[in-house]
């Protein structure tokens, strides 16, 4: 979550391929040739295989939250589980000790607003049914 600077130039498939080739013991130049087509990209390979480098957490988070967003749009009974996902993520951000990126905050707020809207609609529908 503390990832700064430019976005990764490598796709997740390329990252996986680089790491598997590095595990086989190939040189960084050879890996750059195989994966990226030119040995000059050895710096990119170095950064991808550097100890402690891992795929950014916000990408997987974004995917999870987008799936939750789709679920809120498709069916109302899943609202409690989506609400729990949002709360769990909020707790994870608070305990991380690092500031989340603006993109993560924006996505979280957008999904929070959508869930609140769905919950309000559900409450109003329930009140309307009870009034009849």
N, C-alpha and C. Protein backbone atom coordinates (compact mmCIF):
# COMPACT_ATOMS: atom_id res chain seq x y z
N UNK A 1 0.80 -1.18 0.00
CA UNK A 1 0.00 0.00 0.00
C UNK A 1 0.85 1.26 0.00
N UNK A 2 2.10 1.15 0.32
CA UNK A 2 2.96 2.31 0.34
C UNK A 2 3.67 2.49 -0.99
N UNK A 3 3.19 1.81 -2.02
CA UNK A 3 3.81 1.86 -3.32
C UNK A 3 3.69 3.27 -3.88
N UNK A 4 4.79 3.81 -4.30
CA UNK A 4 4.81 5.16 -4.85
C UNK A 4 5.48 5.13 -6.22
N UNK A 5 5.34 6.23 -6.94
CA UNK A 5 6.01 6.33 -8.22
C UNK A 5 5.16 5.80 -9.35
N UNK A 6 5.85 5.43 -10.40
CA UNK A 6 5.17 4.96 -11.60
C UNK A 6 4.51 3.60 -11.38
N UNK A 7 3.52 3.35 -12.18
CA UNK A 7 2.86 2.04 -12.14
C UNK A 7 3.79 0.99 -12.71
N UNK A 8 3.56 -0.26 -12.37
CA UNK A 8 4.37 -1.34 -12.90
C UNK A 8 4.26 -1.40 -14.42
N UNK A 9 5.38 -1.58 -15.08
CA UNK A 9 5.39 -1.69 -16.53
C UNK A 9 5.12 -3.13 -16.96
N UNK A 10 5.25 -4.05 -16.02
CA UNK A 10 5.05 -5.47 -16.33
C UNK A 10 3.64 -5.89 -15.94
N UNK A 11 3.07 -6.77 -16.74
CA UNK A 11 1.77 -7.32 -16.41
C UNK A 11 1.94 -8.37 -15.32
N UNK A 12 0.86 -8.75 -14.64
CA UNK A 12 0.97 -9.80 -13.62
C UNK A 12 1.54 -11.11 -14.19
N UNK A 13 1.20 -11.43 -15.43
CA UNK A 13 1.73 -12.65 -16.06
C UNK A 13 3.25 -12.54 -16.25
N UNK A 14 3.70 -11.35 -16.65
CA UNK A 14 5.14 -11.15 -16.83
C UNK A 14 5.87 -11.22 -15.49
N UNK A 15 5.27 -10.67 -14.45
CA UNK A 15 5.88 -10.72 -13.12
C UNK A 15 6.04 -12.18 -12.68
N UNK A 16 5.00 -12.96 -12.88
CA UNK A 16 5.05 -14.38 -12.53
C UNK A 16 6.13 -15.10 -13.32
N UNK A 17 6.20 -14.81 -14.62
CA UNK A 17 7.20 -15.45 -15.47
C UNK A 17 8.61 -15.05 -15.04
N UNK A 18 8.81 -13.77 -14.73
CA UNK A 18 10.13 -13.30 -14.30
C UNK A 18 10.53 -14.03 -13.02
N UNK A 19 9.64 -14.12 -12.07
CA UNK A 19 9.97 -14.77 -10.79
C UNK A 19 10.23 -16.25 -10.95
N UNK A 20 9.49 -16.91 -11.84
CA UNK A 20 9.73 -18.35 -12.04
C UNK A 20 11.08 -18.58 -12.74
N UNK A 21 11.41 -17.73 -13.70
CA UNK A 21 12.71 -17.87 -14.38
C UNK A 21 13.86 -17.54 -13.42
N UNK A 22 13.64 -16.57 -12.55
CA UNK A 22 14.67 -16.23 -11.56
C UNK A 22 14.88 -17.40 -10.59
N UNK A 23 13.78 -18.07 -10.24
CA UNK A 23 13.89 -19.22 -9.34
C UNK A 23 14.67 -20.36 -10.00
N UNK A 24 14.62 -20.43 -11.33
CA UNK A 24 15.38 -21.45 -12.06
C UNK A 24 16.86 -21.09 -12.15
N UNK A 25 17.21 -19.86 -11.82
CA UNK A 25 18.61 -19.47 -11.79
C UNK A 25 19.11 -18.76 -13.04
N UNK A 26 18.24 -18.32 -13.92
CA UNK A 26 18.68 -17.60 -15.11
C UNK A 26 19.18 -16.22 -14.73
N UNK A 27 20.07 -15.68 -15.56
CA UNK A 27 20.59 -14.34 -15.30
C UNK A 27 19.50 -13.30 -15.57
N UNK A 28 19.66 -12.14 -14.96
CA UNK A 28 18.67 -11.08 -15.14
C UNK A 28 18.61 -10.61 -16.59
N UNK A 29 19.74 -10.55 -17.25
CA UNK A 29 19.75 -10.16 -18.67
C UNK A 29 18.99 -11.18 -19.52
N UNK A 30 19.21 -12.46 -19.26
CA UNK A 30 18.54 -13.52 -20.03
C UNK A 30 17.03 -13.48 -19.79
N UNK A 31 16.65 -13.26 -18.52
CA UNK A 31 15.23 -13.16 -18.20
C UNK A 31 14.61 -11.96 -18.92
N UNK A 32 15.33 -10.83 -18.94
CA UNK A 32 14.82 -9.65 -19.62
C UNK A 32 14.63 -9.91 -21.11
N UNK A 33 15.56 -10.64 -21.71
CA UNK A 33 15.43 -11.00 -23.13
C UNK A 33 14.20 -11.86 -23.36
N UNK A 34 14.03 -12.87 -22.51
CA UNK A 34 12.93 -13.81 -22.69
C UNK A 34 11.57 -13.14 -22.47
N UNK A 35 11.44 -12.41 -21.37
CA UNK A 35 10.14 -11.87 -20.99
C UNK A 35 9.81 -10.57 -21.70
N UNK A 36 10.79 -9.64 -21.75
CA UNK A 36 10.51 -8.32 -22.29
C UNK A 36 11.08 -8.09 -23.69
N UNK A 37 11.87 -9.05 -24.20
CA UNK A 37 12.35 -8.95 -25.56
C UNK A 37 13.67 -8.24 -25.74
N UNK A 38 14.26 -7.73 -24.66
CA UNK A 38 15.53 -7.01 -24.78
C UNK A 38 16.27 -7.08 -23.45
N UNK A 39 17.58 -7.33 -23.51
CA UNK A 39 18.39 -7.45 -22.29
C UNK A 39 18.50 -6.12 -21.55
N UNK A 40 18.20 -5.02 -22.24
CA UNK A 40 18.30 -3.70 -21.59
C UNK A 40 17.28 -3.53 -20.47
N UNK A 41 16.27 -4.39 -20.41
CA UNK A 41 15.25 -4.30 -19.37
C UNK A 41 15.66 -5.05 -18.11
N UNK A 42 16.95 -5.30 -17.93
CA UNK A 42 17.42 -6.04 -16.77
C UNK A 42 17.11 -5.32 -15.47
N UNK A 43 17.05 -3.99 -15.48
CA UNK A 43 16.70 -3.23 -14.28
C UNK A 43 15.28 -3.53 -13.82
N UNK A 44 14.41 -3.68 -14.78
CA UNK A 44 13.03 -4.04 -14.46
C UNK A 44 13.00 -5.41 -13.79
N UNK A 45 13.80 -6.33 -14.34
CA UNK A 45 13.87 -7.68 -13.77
C UNK A 45 14.44 -7.60 -12.35
N UNK A 46 15.48 -6.80 -12.16
CA UNK A 46 16.08 -6.64 -10.83
C UNK A 46 15.04 -6.18 -9.81
N UNK A 47 14.23 -5.20 -10.19
CA UNK A 47 13.22 -4.69 -9.27
C UNK A 47 12.14 -5.73 -8.98
N UNK A 48 11.81 -6.55 -9.97
CA UNK A 48 10.76 -7.55 -9.77
C UNK A 48 11.21 -8.72 -8.90
N UNK A 49 12.50 -9.05 -8.94
CA UNK A 49 12.98 -10.19 -8.16
C UNK A 49 13.64 -9.76 -6.85
N UNK A 50 13.71 -8.48 -6.60
CA UNK A 50 14.31 -7.96 -5.37
C UNK A 50 13.57 -8.53 -4.17
N UNK A 51 14.29 -9.00 -3.15
CA UNK A 51 13.62 -9.52 -1.96
C UNK A 51 12.71 -8.46 -1.36
N UNK A 52 11.54 -8.90 -0.98
CA UNK A 52 10.57 -7.98 -0.39
C UNK A 52 9.66 -7.34 -1.41
N UNK A 53 9.98 -7.50 -2.70
CA UNK A 53 9.07 -6.93 -3.69
C UNK A 53 7.94 -7.92 -3.91
N UNK A 54 6.77 -7.42 -3.90
CA UNK A 54 5.60 -8.27 -4.11
C UNK A 54 4.59 -7.48 -4.91
N UNK A 55 3.62 -8.16 -5.49
CA UNK A 55 2.61 -7.42 -6.23
C UNK A 55 1.91 -6.45 -5.30
N UNK A 56 1.55 -5.29 -5.78
CA UNK A 56 0.93 -4.29 -4.92
C UNK A 56 -0.38 -4.81 -4.33
N UNK A 57 -0.57 -4.55 -3.05
CA UNK A 57 -1.75 -5.03 -2.36
C UNK A 57 -3.02 -4.36 -2.88
N UNK A 58 -2.91 -3.10 -3.33
CA UNK A 58 -4.11 -2.41 -3.74
C UNK A 58 -4.72 -3.00 -5.00
N UNK A 59 -3.94 -3.68 -5.85
CA UNK A 59 -4.53 -4.29 -7.03
C UNK A 59 -5.49 -5.40 -6.64
N UNK A 60 -5.08 -6.26 -5.71
CA UNK A 60 -5.96 -7.33 -5.30
C UNK A 60 -7.13 -6.77 -4.52
N UNK A 61 -6.88 -5.74 -3.73
CA UNK A 61 -7.95 -5.10 -2.98
C UNK A 61 -8.96 -4.50 -3.94
N UNK A 62 -8.45 -3.84 -4.96
CA UNK A 62 -9.34 -3.21 -5.92
C UNK A 62 -10.24 -4.25 -6.57
N UNK A 63 -9.67 -5.38 -6.94
CA UNK A 63 -10.46 -6.45 -7.54
C UNK A 63 -11.51 -6.97 -6.60
N UNK A 64 -11.15 -7.16 -5.33
CA UNK A 64 -12.10 -7.65 -4.33
C UNK A 64 -13.24 -6.66 -4.14
N UNK A 65 -12.89 -5.38 -4.02
CA UNK A 65 -13.92 -4.39 -3.80
C UNK A 65 -14.79 -4.18 -5.02
N UNK A 66 -14.21 -4.31 -6.22
CA UNK A 66 -15.03 -4.20 -7.42
C UNK A 66 -16.01 -5.36 -7.53
N UNK A 67 -15.57 -6.57 -7.12
CA UNK A 67 -16.49 -7.71 -7.09
C UNK A 67 -17.61 -7.45 -6.09
N UNK A 68 -17.25 -6.86 -4.95
CA UNK A 68 -18.25 -6.52 -3.95
C UNK A 68 -19.23 -5.49 -4.52
N UNK A 69 -18.71 -4.53 -5.29
CA UNK A 69 -19.55 -3.53 -5.91
C UNK A 69 -20.54 -4.18 -6.88
N UNK A 70 -20.06 -5.12 -7.68
CA UNK A 70 -20.94 -5.83 -8.61
C UNK A 70 -22.02 -6.60 -7.85
N UNK A 71 -21.63 -7.17 -6.73
CA UNK A 71 -22.60 -7.92 -5.93
C UNK A 71 -23.67 -7.00 -5.37
N UNK A 72 -23.30 -5.78 -4.98
CA UNK A 72 -24.30 -4.85 -4.46
C UNK A 72 -25.28 -4.46 -5.55
N UNK A 73 -24.81 -4.40 -6.78
CA UNK A 73 -25.69 -4.02 -7.86
C UNK A 73 -26.60 -5.16 -8.30
N UNK A 74 -26.18 -6.41 -8.05
CA UNK A 74 -26.94 -7.54 -8.56
C UNK A 74 -27.96 -8.08 -7.58
N UNK A 75 -27.66 -8.08 -6.27
CA UNK A 75 -28.62 -8.64 -5.34
C UNK A 75 -28.51 -7.98 -3.98
N UNK A 76 -29.66 -7.70 -3.38
CA UNK A 76 -29.69 -7.02 -2.10
C UNK A 76 -29.34 -7.90 -0.91
N UNK A 77 -29.68 -9.20 -0.87
CA UNK A 77 -29.41 -9.99 0.33
C UNK A 77 -27.92 -10.07 0.69
N UNK A 78 -27.03 -9.74 -0.21
CA UNK A 78 -25.60 -9.83 0.07
C UNK A 78 -25.06 -8.57 0.74
N UNK A 79 -25.91 -7.60 1.01
CA UNK A 79 -25.45 -6.35 1.61
C UNK A 79 -24.70 -6.54 2.92
N UNK A 80 -25.17 -7.38 3.84
CA UNK A 80 -24.39 -7.54 5.08
C UNK A 80 -22.97 -8.05 4.84
N UNK A 81 -22.78 -8.97 3.91
CA UNK A 81 -21.43 -9.47 3.65
C UNK A 81 -20.57 -8.40 2.97
N UNK A 82 -21.15 -7.60 2.13
CA UNK A 82 -20.41 -6.52 1.49
C UNK A 82 -20.05 -5.46 2.52
N UNK A 83 -20.98 -5.17 3.41
CA UNK A 83 -20.71 -4.23 4.49
C UNK A 83 -19.55 -4.74 5.34
N UNK A 84 -19.53 -6.04 5.62
CA UNK A 84 -18.44 -6.63 6.41
C UNK A 84 -17.11 -6.51 5.67
N UNK A 85 -17.11 -6.73 4.35
CA UNK A 85 -15.89 -6.56 3.56
C UNK A 85 -15.35 -5.13 3.67
N UNK A 86 -16.24 -4.17 3.55
CA UNK A 86 -15.82 -2.78 3.65
C UNK A 86 -15.27 -2.47 5.04
N UNK A 87 -15.95 -2.96 6.08
CA UNK A 87 -15.47 -2.73 7.45
C UNK A 87 -14.13 -3.40 7.69
N UNK A 88 -13.97 -4.62 7.18
CA UNK A 88 -12.71 -5.35 7.34
C UNK A 88 -11.57 -4.60 6.66
N UNK A 89 -11.83 -4.09 5.46
CA UNK A 89 -10.80 -3.34 4.75
C UNK A 89 -10.46 -2.04 5.48
N UNK A 90 -11.47 -1.38 6.00
CA UNK A 90 -11.23 -0.15 6.74
C UNK A 90 -10.35 -0.42 7.97
N UNK A 91 -10.62 -1.53 8.67
CA UNK A 91 -9.79 -1.89 9.82
C UNK A 91 -8.36 -2.21 9.39
N UNK A 92 -8.20 -2.90 8.25
CA UNK A 92 -6.87 -3.23 7.74
C UNK A 92 -6.09 -1.96 7.40
N UNK A 93 -6.75 -0.99 6.80
CA UNK A 93 -6.09 0.28 6.49
C UNK A 93 -5.67 1.01 7.75
N UNK A 94 -6.53 0.98 8.76
CA UNK A 94 -6.23 1.68 10.00
C UNK A 94 -5.06 1.04 10.75
N UNK A 95 -4.96 -0.28 10.68
CA UNK A 95 -3.90 -0.97 11.43
C UNK A 95 -2.60 -1.10 10.64
N UNK A 96 -2.60 -0.71 9.37
CA UNK A 96 -1.41 -0.88 8.53
C UNK A 96 -0.26 0.03 8.97
N UNK A 97 -0.55 1.15 9.56
CA UNK A 97 0.50 2.06 9.97
C UNK A 97 1.02 2.93 8.84
N UNK A 98 0.53 2.73 7.64
CA UNK A 98 0.92 3.53 6.48
C UNK A 98 -0.32 4.19 5.92
N UNK A 99 -0.12 5.32 5.31
CA UNK A 99 -1.25 6.00 4.69
C UNK A 99 -1.67 5.29 3.41
N UNK A 100 -2.96 5.05 3.24
CA UNK A 100 -3.43 4.42 1.99
C UNK A 100 -3.32 5.41 0.84
N UNK A 101 -3.28 4.88 -0.36
CA UNK A 101 -3.22 5.76 -1.53
C UNK A 101 -4.56 6.45 -1.72
N UNK A 102 -4.54 7.54 -2.44
CA UNK A 102 -5.77 8.27 -2.71
C UNK A 102 -6.75 7.43 -3.52
N UNK A 103 -6.21 6.59 -4.39
CA UNK A 103 -7.05 5.72 -5.20
C UNK A 103 -7.82 4.74 -4.31
N UNK A 104 -7.13 4.18 -3.31
CA UNK A 104 -7.79 3.26 -2.38
C UNK A 104 -8.88 3.97 -1.58
N UNK A 105 -8.57 5.16 -1.12
CA UNK A 105 -9.56 5.92 -0.34
C UNK A 105 -10.77 6.26 -1.21
N UNK A 106 -10.50 6.67 -2.44
CA UNK A 106 -11.59 7.02 -3.36
C UNK A 106 -12.48 5.81 -3.64
N UNK A 107 -11.87 4.66 -3.88
CA UNK A 107 -12.63 3.44 -4.15
C UNK A 107 -13.44 3.03 -2.94
N UNK A 108 -12.84 3.10 -1.77
CA UNK A 108 -13.54 2.73 -0.55
C UNK A 108 -14.74 3.64 -0.31
N UNK A 109 -14.56 4.94 -0.49
CA UNK A 109 -15.66 5.88 -0.29
C UNK A 109 -16.78 5.68 -1.32
N UNK A 110 -16.41 5.40 -2.54
CA UNK A 110 -17.40 5.16 -3.59
C UNK A 110 -18.24 3.94 -3.25
N UNK A 111 -17.58 2.86 -2.85
CA UNK A 111 -18.31 1.64 -2.52
C UNK A 111 -19.15 1.82 -1.25
N UNK A 112 -18.61 2.55 -0.30
CA UNK A 112 -19.35 2.84 0.93
C UNK A 112 -20.64 3.58 0.59
N UNK A 113 -20.53 4.58 -0.27
CA UNK A 113 -21.71 5.35 -0.67
C UNK A 113 -22.74 4.47 -1.37
N UNK A 114 -22.28 3.56 -2.23
CA UNK A 114 -23.19 2.67 -2.94
C UNK A 114 -23.89 1.71 -1.99
N UNK A 115 -23.14 1.17 -1.04
CA UNK A 115 -23.74 0.24 -0.06
C UNK A 115 -24.75 0.98 0.80
N UNK A 116 -24.42 2.19 1.23
CA UNK A 116 -25.36 2.97 2.03
C UNK A 116 -26.63 3.26 1.25
N UNK A 117 -26.49 3.56 -0.03
CA UNK A 117 -27.66 3.82 -0.88
C UNK A 117 -28.53 2.57 -0.98
N UNK A 118 -27.91 1.42 -1.19
CA UNK A 118 -28.67 0.16 -1.28
C UNK A 118 -29.35 -0.15 0.05
N UNK A 119 -28.65 0.08 1.16
CA UNK A 119 -29.25 -0.19 2.47
C UNK A 119 -30.44 0.73 2.73
N UNK A 120 -30.31 1.98 2.34
CA UNK A 120 -31.42 2.92 2.50
C UNK A 120 -32.60 2.50 1.66
N UNK A 121 -32.34 2.11 0.44
CA UNK A 121 -33.40 1.65 -0.45
C UNK A 121 -34.09 0.41 0.12
N UNK A 122 -33.31 -0.49 0.67
CA UNK A 122 -33.87 -1.71 1.26
C UNK A 122 -34.76 -1.37 2.45
N UNK A 123 -34.31 -0.44 3.31
CA UNK A 123 -35.12 -0.02 4.47
C UNK A 123 -36.41 0.65 4.01
N UNK A 124 -36.33 1.50 2.99
CA UNK A 124 -37.53 2.16 2.49
C UNK A 124 -38.51 1.17 1.88
N UNK A 125 -37.99 0.20 1.15
CA UNK A 125 -38.87 -0.83 0.58
C UNK A 125 -39.56 -1.62 1.68
N UNK A 126 -38.83 -1.94 2.74
CA UNK A 126 -39.41 -2.68 3.87
C UNK A 126 -40.50 -1.85 4.54
N UNK A 127 -40.24 -0.57 4.75
CA UNK A 127 -41.25 0.30 5.36
C UNK A 127 -42.49 0.44 4.48
N UNK A 128 -42.27 0.50 3.18
CA UNK A 128 -43.38 0.61 2.24
C UNK A 128 -44.24 -0.65 2.27
N UNK A 129 -43.60 -1.81 2.32
CA UNK A 129 -44.34 -3.08 2.38
C UNK A 129 -45.13 -3.20 3.68
N UNK A 130 -44.55 -2.74 4.79
CA UNK A 130 -45.21 -2.83 6.08
C UNK A 130 -46.41 -1.88 6.14
N UNK A 131 -46.34 -0.76 5.44
CA UNK A 131 -47.41 0.23 5.47
C UNK A 131 -48.65 -0.25 4.74
N UNK A 132 -48.51 -1.18 3.82
CA UNK A 132 -49.66 -1.65 3.04
C UNK A 132 -50.52 -2.59 3.79
